[in-house]
Amino acid sequence: MPGTSRVEARWKVRKAYEVARECEVLKTRLACLSTEMQHKQDYAGRLELVVRERNQRIDYLIGIIDQLRQQNRQLDTEAERLVEMVARPVNELPIPK
């Protein structure tokens, strides 16, 4: 059966060629996917940085808002006191000594 062994040899060579070709395709695909994954990781890292900076800015602005609210409360208290002073009749005003 020398013909059978020749057919088997051709089949084995063809199969080896197909496997080698598939291996190269998979290597190329793996390289592309690795590059894509690296790009996505870089993008995610940049987004994390932007979110961190944005949160810091928000915290800073919240601090300023709290300060301004406190100043407004103080100004409201002072305004109420001044309104009371202006609203008093002249004879009730304290006389400077």
PDB file of N, CA and C in Angstrom:
ATOM      1  N   MET A   1       0.795  -1.187   0.000  1.00  0.00           N
ATOM      2  CA  MET A   1       0.000   0.000   0.000  1.00  0.00           C
ATOM      3  C   MET A   1       0.848   1.266   0.000  1.00  0.00           C
ATOM      4  N   PRO A   2       1.715   1.355  -0.956  1.00  0.00           N
ATOM      5  CA  PRO A   2       2.521   2.554  -1.026  1.00  0.00           C
ATOM      6  C   PRO A   2       1.701   3.791  -1.360  1.00  0.00           C
ATOM      7  N   GLY A   3       0.604   3.678  -2.100  1.00  0.00           N
ATOM      8  CA  GLY A   3      -0.228   4.831  -2.450  1.00  0.00           C
ATOM      9  C   GLY A   3      -0.910   5.430  -1.234  1.00  0.00           C
ATOM     10  N   THR A   4      -1.268   4.592  -0.339  1.00  0.00           N
ATOM     11  CA  THR A   4      -1.956   5.060   0.864  1.00  0.00           C
ATOM     12  C   THR A   4      -1.015   5.896   1.704  1.00  0.00           C
ATOM     13  N   SER A   5       0.216   5.479   1.827  1.00  0.00           N
ATOM     14  CA  SER A   5       1.150   6.240   2.643  1.00  0.00           C
ATOM     15  C   SER A   5       1.460   7.599   2.010  1.00  0.00           C
ATOM     16  N   ARG A   6       1.484   7.627   0.680  1.00  0.00           N
ATOM     17  CA  ARG A   6       1.704   8.903   0.004  1.00  0.00           C
ATOM     18  C   ARG A   6       0.509   9.837   0.242  1.00  0.00           C
ATOM     19  N   VAL A   7      -0.688   9.321   0.189  1.00  0.00           N
ATOM     20  CA  VAL A   7      -1.896  10.111   0.453  1.00  0.00           C
ATOM     21  C   VAL A   7      -1.889  10.599   1.896  1.00  0.00           C
ATOM     22  N   GLU A   8      -1.513   9.686   2.788  1.00  0.00           N
ATOM     23  CA  GLU A   8      -1.431  10.072   4.207  1.00  0.00           C
ATOM     24  C   GLU A   8      -0.387  11.160   4.412  1.00  0.00           C
ATOM     25  N   ALA A   9       0.740  11.040   3.732  1.00  0.00           N
ATOM     26  CA  ALA A   9       1.794  12.042   3.863  1.00  0.00           C
ATOM     27  C   ALA A   9       1.312  13.389   3.346  1.00  0.00           C
ATOM     28  N   ARG A  10       0.624  13.385   2.187  1.00  0.00           N
ATOM     29  CA  ARG A  10       0.075  14.647   1.670  1.00  0.00           C
ATOM     30  C   ARG A  10      -0.961  15.227   2.632  1.00  0.00           C
ATOM     31  N   TRP A  11      -1.792  14.356   3.175  1.00  0.00           N
ATOM     32  CA  TRP A  11      -2.829  14.812   4.114  1.00  0.00           C
ATOM     33  C   TRP A  11      -2.188  15.435   5.348  1.00  0.00           C
ATOM     34  N   LYS A  12      -1.129  14.766   5.838  1.00  0.00           N
ATOM     35  CA  LYS A  12      -0.432  15.287   7.025  1.00  0.00           C
ATOM     36  C   LYS A  12       0.228  16.637   6.719  1.00  0.00           C
ATOM     37  N   VAL A  13       0.824  16.765   5.559  1.00  0.00           N
ATOM     38  CA  VAL A  13       1.457  18.030   5.169  1.00  0.00           C
ATOM     39  C   VAL A  13       0.398  19.116   5.031  1.00  0.00           C
ATOM     40  N   ARG A  14      -0.706  18.769   4.369  1.00  0.00           N
ATOM     41  CA  ARG A  14      -1.791  19.746   4.196  1.00  0.00           C
ATOM     42  C   ARG A  14      -2.361  20.155   5.564  1.00  0.00           C
ATOM     43  N   LYS A  15      -2.556  19.176   6.428  1.00  0.00           N
ATOM     44  CA  LYS A  15      -3.096  19.453   7.759  1.00  0.00           C
ATOM     45  C   LYS A  15      -2.118  20.321   8.553  1.00  0.00           C
ATOM     46  N   ALA A  16      -0.819  20.001   8.457  1.00  0.00           N
ATOM     47  CA  ALA A  16       0.196  20.790   9.150  1.00  0.00           C
ATOM     48  C   ALA A  16       0.201  22.228   8.613  1.00  0.00           C
ATOM     49  N   TYR A  17       0.042  22.380   7.291  1.00  0.00           N
ATOM     50  CA  TYR A  17      -0.008  23.711   6.693  1.00  0.00           C
ATOM     51  C   TYR A  17      -1.231  24.478   7.195  1.00  0.00           C
ATOM     52  N   GLU A  18      -2.370  23.801   7.240  1.00  0.00           N
ATOM     53  CA  GLU A  18      -3.594  24.452   7.735  1.00  0.00           C
ATOM     54  C   GLU A  18      -3.450  24.870   9.207  1.00  0.00           C
ATOM     55  N   VAL A  19      -2.872  24.003  10.004  1.00  0.00           N
ATOM     56  CA  VAL A  19      -2.670  24.310  11.427  1.00  0.00           C
ATOM     57  C   VAL A  19      -1.698  25.480  11.577  1.00  0.00           C
ATOM     58  N   ALA A  20      -0.613  25.462  10.789  1.00  0.00           N
ATOM     59  CA  ALA A  20       0.361  26.558  10.860  1.00  0.00           C
ATOM     60  C   ALA A  20      -0.288  27.869  10.425  1.00  0.00           C
ATOM     61  N   ARG A  21      -1.110  27.811   9.386  1.00  0.00           N
ATOM     62  CA  ARG A  21      -1.804  29.017   8.904  1.00  0.00           C
ATOM     63  C   ARG A  21      -2.768  29.540   9.969  1.00  0.00           C
ATOM     64  N   GLU A  22      -3.519  28.611  10.560  1.00  0.00           N
ATOM     65  CA  GLU A  22      -4.456  29.009  11.618  1.00  0.00           C
ATOM     66  C   GLU A  22      -3.704  29.593  12.813  1.00  0.00           C
ATOM     67  N   CYS A  23      -2.561  29.013  13.119  1.00  0.00           N
ATOM     68  CA  CYS A  23      -1.727  29.523  14.218  1.00  0.00           C
ATOM     69  C   CYS A  23      -1.278  30.954  13.931  1.00  0.00           C
ATOM     70  N   GLU A  24      -0.864  31.245  12.720  1.00  0.00           N
ATOM     71  CA  GLU A  24      -0.451  32.598  12.343  1.00  0.00           C
ATOM     72  C   GLU A  24      -1.625  33.580  12.425  1.00  0.00           C
ATOM     73  N   VAL A  25      -2.785  33.129  11.955  1.00  0.00           N
ATOM     74  CA  VAL A  25      -3.980  33.975  12.040  1.00  0.00           C
ATOM     75  C   VAL A  25      -4.286  34.289  13.497  1.00  0.00           C
ATOM     76  N   LEU A  26      -4.200  33.273  14.345  1.00  0.00           N
ATOM     77  CA  LEU A  26      -4.491  33.470  15.772  1.00  0.00           C
ATOM     78  C   LEU A  26      -3.448  34.377  16.443  1.00  0.00           C
ATOM     79  N   LYS A  27      -2.183  34.241  16.022  1.00  0.00           N
ATOM     80  CA  LYS A  27      -1.139  35.127  16.557  1.00  0.00           C
ATOM     81  C   LYS A  27      -1.430  36.583  16.194  1.00  0.00           C
ATOM     82  N   THR A  28      -1.812  36.793  14.937  1.00  0.00           N
ATOM     83  CA  THR A  28      -2.144  38.144  14.478  1.00  0.00           C
ATOM     84  C   THR A  28      -3.347  38.684  15.238  1.00  0.00           C
ATOM     85  N   ARG A  29      -4.354  37.845  15.404  1.00  0.00           N
ATOM     86  CA  ARG A  29      -5.551  38.276  16.134  1.00  0.00           C
ATOM     87  C   ARG A  29      -5.215  38.594  17.591  1.00  0.00           C
ATOM     88  N   LEU A  30      -4.378  37.760  18.199  1.00  0.00           N
ATOM     89  CA  LEU A  30      -3.962  37.987  19.576  1.00  0.00           C
ATOM     90  C   LEU A  30      -3.213  39.317  19.704  1.00  0.00           C
ATOM     91  N   ALA A  31      -2.334  39.596  18.762  1.00  0.00           N
ATOM     92  CA  ALA A  31      -1.596  40.858  18.783  1.00  0.00           C
ATOM     93  C   ALA A  31      -2.553  42.043  18.661  1.00  0.00           C
ATOM     94  N   CYS A  32      -3.533  41.942  17.769  1.00  0.00           N
ATOM     95  CA  CYS A  32      -4.519  43.023  17.597  1.00  0.00           C
ATOM     96  C   CYS A  32      -5.346  43.211  18.861  1.00  0.00           C
ATOM     97  N   LEU A  33      -5.782  42.104  19.447  1.00  0.00           N
ATOM     98  CA  LEU A  33      -6.589  42.197  20.669  1.00  0.00           C
ATOM     99  C   LEU A  33      -5.771  42.750  21.840  1.00  0.00           C
ATOM    100  N   SER A  34      -4.515  42.371  21.909  1.00  0.00           N
ATOM    101  CA  SER A  34      -3.651  42.901  22.971  1.00  0.00           C
ATOM    102  C   SER A  34      -3.476  44.408  22.828  1.00  0.00           C
ATOM    103  N   THR A  35      -3.267  44.852  21.589  1.00  0.00           N
ATOM    104  CA  THR A  35      -3.140  46.291  21.336  1.00  0.00           C
ATOM    105  C   THR A  35      -4.434  47.015  21.682  1.00  0.00           C
ATOM    106  N   GLU A  36      -5.544  46.445  21.270  1.00  0.00           N
ATOM    107  CA  GLU A  36      -6.842  47.052  21.564  1.00  0.00           C
ATOM    108  C   GLU A  36      -7.082  47.126  23.075  1.00  0.00           C
ATOM    109  N   MET A  37      -6.741  46.053  23.771  1.00  0.00           N
ATOM    110  CA  MET A  37      -6.908  46.041  25.225  1.00  0.00           C
ATOM    111  C   MET A  37      -6.019  47.105  25.879  1.00  0.00           C
ATOM    112  N   GLN A  38      -4.795  47.259  25.402  1.00  0.00           N
ATOM    113  CA  GLN A  38      -3.893  48.270  25.957  1.00  0.00           C
ATOM    114  C   GLN A  38      -4.462  49.669  25.735  1.00  0.00           C
ATOM    115  N   HIS A  39      -5.005  49.915  24.557  1.00  0.00           N
ATOM    116  CA  HIS A  39      -5.615  51.218  24.268  1.00  0.00           C
ATOM    117  C   HIS A  39      -6.789  51.480  25.206  1.00  0.00           C
ATOM    118  N   LYS A  40      -7.598  50.457  25.417  1.00  0.00           N
ATOM    119  CA  LYS A  40      -8.752  50.615  26.306  1.00  0.00           C
ATOM    120  C   LYS A  40      -8.313  50.833  27.753  1.00  0.00           C
ATOM    121  N   GLN A  41      -7.254  50.159  28.171  1.00  0.00           N
ATOM    122  CA  GLN A  41      -6.732  50.369  29.532  1.00  0.00           C
ATOM    123  C   GLN A  41      -6.180  51.785  29.678  1.00  0.00           C
ATOM    124  N   ASP A  42      -5.483  52.261  28.652  1.00  0.00           N
ATOM    125  CA  ASP A  42      -4.971  53.635  28.680  1.00  0.00           C
ATOM    126  C   ASP A  42      -6.121  54.632  28.758  1.00  0.00           C
ATOM    127  N   TYR A  43      -7.153  54.392  27.962  1.00  0.00           N
ATOM    128  CA  TYR A  43      -8.329  55.274  27.959  1.00  0.00           C
ATOM    129  C   TYR A  43      -9.006  55.267  29.324  1.00  0.00           C
ATOM    130  N   ALA A  44      -9.154  54.080  29.903  1.00  0.00           N
ATOM    131  CA  ALA A  44      -9.775  53.962  31.230  1.00  0.00           C
ATOM    132  C   ALA A  44      -8.931  54.700  32.273  1.00  0.00           C
ATOM    133  N   GLY A  45      -7.622  54.600  32.153  1.00  0.00           N
ATOM    134  CA  GLY A  45      -6.737  55.317  33.086  1.00  0.00           C
ATOM    135  C   GLY A  45      -6.901  56.824  32.962  1.00  0.00           C
ATOM    136  N   ARG A  46      -7.010  57.308  31.730  1.00  0.00           N
ATOM    137  CA  ARG A  46      -7.216  58.745  31.527  1.00  0.00           C
ATOM    138  C   ARG A  46      -8.572  59.183  32.081  1.00  0.00           C
ATOM    139  N   LEU A  47      -9.591  58.348  31.882  1.00  0.00           N
ATOM    140  CA  LEU A  47     -10.916  58.672  32.420  1.00  0.00           C
ATOM    141  C   LEU A  47     -10.890  58.719  33.952  1.00  0.00           C
ATOM    142  N   GLU A  48     -10.181  57.780  34.570  1.00  0.00           N
ATOM    143  CA  GLU A  48     -10.071  57.783  36.034  1.00  0.00           C
ATOM    144  C   GLU A  48      -9.410  59.071  36.511  1.00  0.00           C
ATOM    145  N   LEU A  49      -8.382  59.512  35.805  1.00  0.00           N
ATOM    146  CA  LEU A  49      -7.706  60.753  36.168  1.00  0.00           C
ATOM    147  C   LEU A  49      -8.663  61.942  36.045  1.00  0.00           C
ATOM    148  N   VAL A  50      -9.409  61.988  34.955  1.00  0.00           N
ATOM    149  CA  VAL A  50     -10.359  63.085  34.738  1.00  0.00           C
ATOM    150  C   VAL A  50     -11.425  63.082  35.829  1.00  0.00           C
ATOM    151  N   VAL A  51     -11.918  61.901  36.187  1.00  0.00           N
ATOM    152  CA  VAL A  51     -12.943  61.803  37.233  1.00  0.00           C
ATOM    153  C   VAL A  51     -12.367  62.255  38.579  1.00  0.00           C
ATOM    154  N   ARG A  52     -11.141  61.840  38.877  1.00  0.00           N
ATOM    155  CA  ARG A  52     -10.499  62.242  40.132  1.00  0.00           C
ATOM    156  C   ARG A  52     -10.336  63.763  40.189  1.00  0.00           C
ATOM    157  N   GLU A  53      -9.849  64.367  39.095  1.00  0.00           N
ATOM    158  CA  GLU A  53      -9.687  65.828  39.053  1.00  0.00           C
ATOM    159  C   GLU A  53     -11.040  66.531  39.168  1.00  0.00           C
ATOM    160  N   ARG A  54     -12.036  65.984  38.513  1.00  0.00           N
ATOM    161  CA  ARG A  54     -13.379  66.585  38.561  1.00  0.00           C
ATOM    162  C   ARG A  54     -13.945  66.517  39.981  1.00  0.00           C
ATOM    163  N   ASN A  55     -13.751  65.379  40.647  1.00  0.00           N
ATOM    164  CA  ASN A  55     -14.224  65.249  42.029  1.00  0.00           C
ATOM    165  C   ASN A  55     -13.512  66.223  42.960  1.00  0.00           C
ATOM    166  N   GLN A  56     -12.209  66.421  42.745  1.00  0.00           N
ATOM    167  CA  GLN A  56     -11.469  67.395  43.554  1.00  0.00           C
ATOM    168  C   GLN A  56     -12.022  68.801  43.327  1.00  0.00           C
ATOM    169  N   ARG A  57     -12.298  69.131  42.088  1.00  0.00           N
ATOM    170  CA  ARG A  57     -12.854  70.451  41.764  1.00  0.00           C
ATOM    171  C   ARG A  57     -14.236  70.622  42.395  1.00  0.00           C
ATOM    172  N   ILE A  58     -15.053  69.574  42.359  1.00  0.00           N
ATOM    173  CA  ILE A  58     -16.381  69.626  42.965  1.00  0.00           C
ATOM    174  C   ILE A  58     -16.253  69.830  44.470  1.00  0.00           C
ATOM    175  N   ASP A  59     -15.349  69.088  45.115  1.00  0.00           N
ATOM    176  CA  ASP A  59     -15.142  69.253  46.561  1.00  0.00           C
ATOM    177  C   ASP A  59     -14.712  70.678  46.890  1.00  0.00           C
ATOM    178  N   TYR A  60     -13.811  71.234  46.072  1.00  0.00           N
ATOM    179  CA  TYR A  60     -13.347  72.609  46.277  1.00  0.00           C
ATOM    180  C   TYR A  60     -14.519  73.588  46.164  1.00  0.00           C
ATOM    181  N   LEU A  61     -15.324  73.410  45.131  1.00  0.00           N
ATOM    182  CA  LEU A  61     -16.458  74.314  44.914  1.00  0.00           C
ATOM    183  C   LEU A  61     -17.517  74.160  46.004  1.00  0.00           C
ATOM    184  N   ILE A  62     -17.713  72.954  46.500  1.00  0.00           N
ATOM    185  CA  ILE A  62     -18.649  72.748  47.611  1.00  0.00           C
ATOM    186  C   ILE A  62     -18.157  73.498  48.839  1.00  0.00           C
ATOM    187  N   GLY A  63     -16.850  73.490  49.072  1.00  0.00           N
ATOM    188  CA  GLY A  63     -16.274  74.250  50.186  1.00  0.00           C
ATOM    189  C   GLY A  63     -16.549  75.739  50.039  1.00  0.00           C
ATOM    190  N   ILE A  64     -16.387  76.256  48.838  1.00  0.00           N
ATOM    191  CA  ILE A  64     -16.657  77.682  48.591  1.00  0.00           C
ATOM    192  C   ILE A  64     -18.138  77.979  48.810  1.00  0.00           C
ATOM    193  N   ILE A  65     -19.014  77.105  48.328  1.00  0.00           N
ATOM    194  CA  ILE A  65     -20.457  77.301  48.512  1.00  0.00           C
ATOM    195  C   ILE A  65     -20.791  77.323  50.000  1.00  0.00           C
ATOM    196  N   ASP A  66     -20.201  76.417  50.778  1.00  0.00           N
ATOM    197  CA  ASP A  66     -20.454  76.400  52.218  1.00  0.00           C
ATOM    198  C   ASP A  66     -19.996  77.705  52.874  1.00  0.00           C
ATOM    199  N   GLN A  67     -18.838  78.209  52.472  1.00  0.00           N
ATOM    200  CA  GLN A  67     -18.346  79.488  53.017  1.00  0.00           C
ATOM    201  C   GLN A  67     -19.300  80.621  52.663  1.00  0.00           C
ATOM    202  N   LEU A  68     -19.752  80.659  51.420  1.00  0.00           N
ATOM    203  CA  LEU A  68     -20.659  81.721  50.994  1.00  0.00           C
ATOM    204  C   LEU A  68     -21.999  81.630  51.721  1.00  0.00           C
ATOM    205  N   ARG A  69     -22.470  80.425  51.967  1.00  0.00           N
ATOM    206  CA  ARG A  69     -23.717  80.271  52.725  1.00  0.00           C
ATOM    207  C   ARG A  69     -23.551  80.805  54.141  1.00  0.00           C
ATOM    208  N   GLN A  70     -22.414  80.500  54.745  1.00  0.00           N
ATOM    209  CA  GLN A  70     -22.146  81.008  56.092  1.00  0.00           C
ATOM    210  C   GLN A  70     -22.084  82.537  56.083  1.00  0.00           C
ATOM    211  N   GLN A  71     -21.421  83.107  55.099  1.00  0.00           N
ATOM    212  CA  GLN A  71     -21.365  84.568  54.993  1.00  0.00           C
ATOM    213  C   GLN A  71     -22.763  85.147  54.801  1.00  0.00           C
ATOM    214  N   ASN A  72     -23.587  84.501  53.989  1.00  0.00           N
ATOM    215  CA  ASN A  72     -24.960  84.973  53.789  1.00  0.00           C
ATOM    216  C   ASN A  72     -25.751  84.931  55.083  1.00  0.00           C
ATOM    217  N   ARG A  73     -25.585  83.867  55.883  1.00  0.00           N
ATOM    218  CA  ARG A  73     -26.283  83.796  57.171  1.00  0.00           C
ATOM    219  C   ARG A  73     -25.843  84.945  58.085  1.00  0.00           C
ATOM    220  N   GLN A  74     -24.534  85.201  58.092  1.00  0.00           N
ATOM    221  CA  GLN A  74     -24.025  86.301  58.922  1.00  0.00           C
ATOM    222  C   GLN A  74     -24.573  87.638  58.427  1.00  0.00           C
ATOM    223  N   LEU A  75     -24.598  87.832  57.117  1.00  0.00           N
ATOM    224  CA  LEU A  75     -25.122  89.085  56.570  1.00  0.00           C
ATOM    225  C   LEU A  75     -26.617  89.218  56.837  1.00  0.00           C
ATOM    226  N   ASP A  76     -27.355  88.121  56.762  1.00  0.00           N
ATOM    227  CA  ASP A  76     -28.782  88.162  57.085  1.00  0.00           C
ATOM    228  C   ASP A  76     -29.002  88.558  58.542  1.00  0.00           C
ATOM    229  N   THR A  77     -28.197  87.997  59.443  1.00  0.00           N
ATOM    230  CA  THR A  77     -28.297  88.341  60.863  1.00  0.00           C
ATOM    231  C   THR A  77     -27.992  89.824  61.073  1.00  0.00           C
ATOM    232  N   GLU A  78     -26.948  90.293  60.435  1.00  0.00           N
ATOM    233  CA  GLU A  78     -26.581  91.714  60.552  1.00  0.00           C
ATOM    234  C   GLU A  78     -27.676  92.605  59.965  1.00  0.00           C
ATOM    235  N   ALA A  79     -28.227  92.203  58.811  1.00  0.00           N
ATOM    236  CA  ALA A  79     -29.288  92.994  58.184  1.00  0.00           C
ATOM    237  C   ALA A  79     -30.513  93.058  59.090  1.00  0.00           C
ATOM    238  N   GLU A  80     -30.868  91.947  59.710  1.00  0.00           N
ATOM    239  CA  GLU A  80     -32.000  91.940  60.640  1.00  0.00           C
ATOM    240  C   GLU A  80     -31.747  92.881  61.814  1.00  0.00           C
ATOM    241  N   ARG A  81     -30.534  92.860  62.334  1.00  0.00           N
ATOM    242  CA  ARG A  81     -30.176  93.752  63.443  1.00  0.00           C
ATOM    243  C   ARG A  81     -30.275  95.216  63.020  1.00  0.00           C
ATOM    244  N   LEU A  82     -29.794  95.515  61.812  1.00  0.00           N
ATOM    245  CA  LEU A  82     -29.856  96.893  61.322  1.00  0.00           C
ATOM    246  C   LEU A  82     -31.305  97.324  61.080  1.00  0.00           C
ATOM    247  N   VAL A  83     -32.130  96.418  60.582  1.00  0.00           N
ATOM    248  CA  VAL A  83     -33.545  96.734  60.363  1.00  0.00           C
ATOM    249  C   VAL A  83     -34.203  97.057  61.699  1.00  0.00           C
ATOM    250  N   GLU A  84     -33.885  96.275  62.724  1.00  0.00           N
ATOM    251  CA  GLU A  84     -34.439  96.545  64.052  1.00  0.00           C
ATOM    252  C   GLU A  84     -33.996  97.917  64.558  1.00  0.00           C
ATOM    253  N   MET A  85     -32.743  98.267  64.304  1.00  0.00           N
ATOM    254  CA  MET A  85     -32.243  99.564  64.763  1.00  0.00           C
ATOM    255  C   MET A  85     -32.971 100.701  64.040  1.00  0.00           C
ATOM    256  N   VAL A  86     -33.160 100.557  62.741  1.00  0.00           N
ATOM    257  CA  VAL A  86     -33.803 101.601  61.953  1.00  0.00           C
ATOM    258  C   VAL A  86     -35.284 101.679  62.281  1.00  0.00           C
ATOM    259  N   ALA A  87     -35.884 100.560  62.586  1.00  0.00           N
ATOM    260  CA  ALA A  87     -37.320 100.508  62.842  1.00  0.00           C
ATOM    261  C   ALA A  87     -37.688 101.063  64.218  1.00  0.00           C
ATOM    262  N   ARG A  88     -36.752 101.194  65.150  1.00  0.00           N
ATOM    263  CA  ARG A  88     -37.045 101.730  66.482  1.00  0.00           C
ATOM    264  C   ARG A  88     -37.423 103.201  66.383  1.00  0.00           C
ATOM    265  N   PRO A  89     -38.348 103.599  67.230  1.00  0.00           N
ATOM    266  CA  PRO A  89     -38.633 105.045  67.297  1.00  0.00           C
ATOM    267  C   PRO A  89     -37.411 105.790  67.816  1.00  0.00           C
ATOM    268  N   VAL A  90     -37.279 107.029  67.456  1.00  0.00           N
ATOM    269  CA  VAL A  90     -36.119 107.842  67.797  1.00  0.00           C
ATOM    270  C   VAL A  90     -35.946 107.927  69.306  1.00  0.00           C
ATOM    271  N   ASN A  91     -37.025 108.000  70.060  1.00  0.00           N
ATOM    272  CA  ASN A  91     -36.899 108.171  71.512  1.00  0.00           C
ATOM    273  C   ASN A  91     -36.381 106.882  72.194  1.00  0.00           C
ATOM    274  N   GLU A  92     -36.388 105.730  71.498  1.00  0.00           N
ATOM    275  CA  GLU A  92     -35.892 104.503  72.096  1.00  0.00           C
ATOM    276  C   GLU A  92     -34.424 104.245  71.755  1.00  0.00           C
ATOM    277  N   LEU A  93     -33.858 105.036  70.911  1.00  0.00           N
ATOM    278  CA  LEU A  93     -32.454 104.831  70.547  1.00  0.00           C
ATOM    279  C   LEU A  93     -31.570 105.135  71.735  1.00  0.00           C
ATOM    280  N   PRO A  94     -30.513 104.385  71.904  1.00  0.00           N
ATOM    281  CA  PRO A  94     -29.607 104.672  73.006  1.00  0.00           C
ATOM    282  C   PRO A  94     -28.927 106.024  72.819  1.00  0.00           C
ATOM    283  N   ILE A  95     -28.786 106.723  73.908  1.00  0.00           N
ATOM    284  CA  ILE A  95     -28.158 108.043  73.860  1.00  0.00           C
ATOM    285  C   ILE A  95     -26.679 107.844  74.174  1.00  0.00           C
ATOM    286  N   PRO A  96     -25.833 108.330  73.270  1.00  0.00           N
ATOM    287  CA  PRO A  96     -24.384 108.199  73.523  1.00  0.00           C
ATOM    288  C   PRO A  96     -23.984 109.070  74.706  1.00  0.00           C
ATOM    289  N   LYS A  97     -23.110 108.611  75.501  1.00  0.00           N
ATOM    290  CA  LYS A  97     -22.641 109.363  76.686  1.00  0.00           C
ATOM    291  C   LYS A  97     -21.322 110.024  76.454  1.00  0.00           C
TER     292      LYS A  97
END
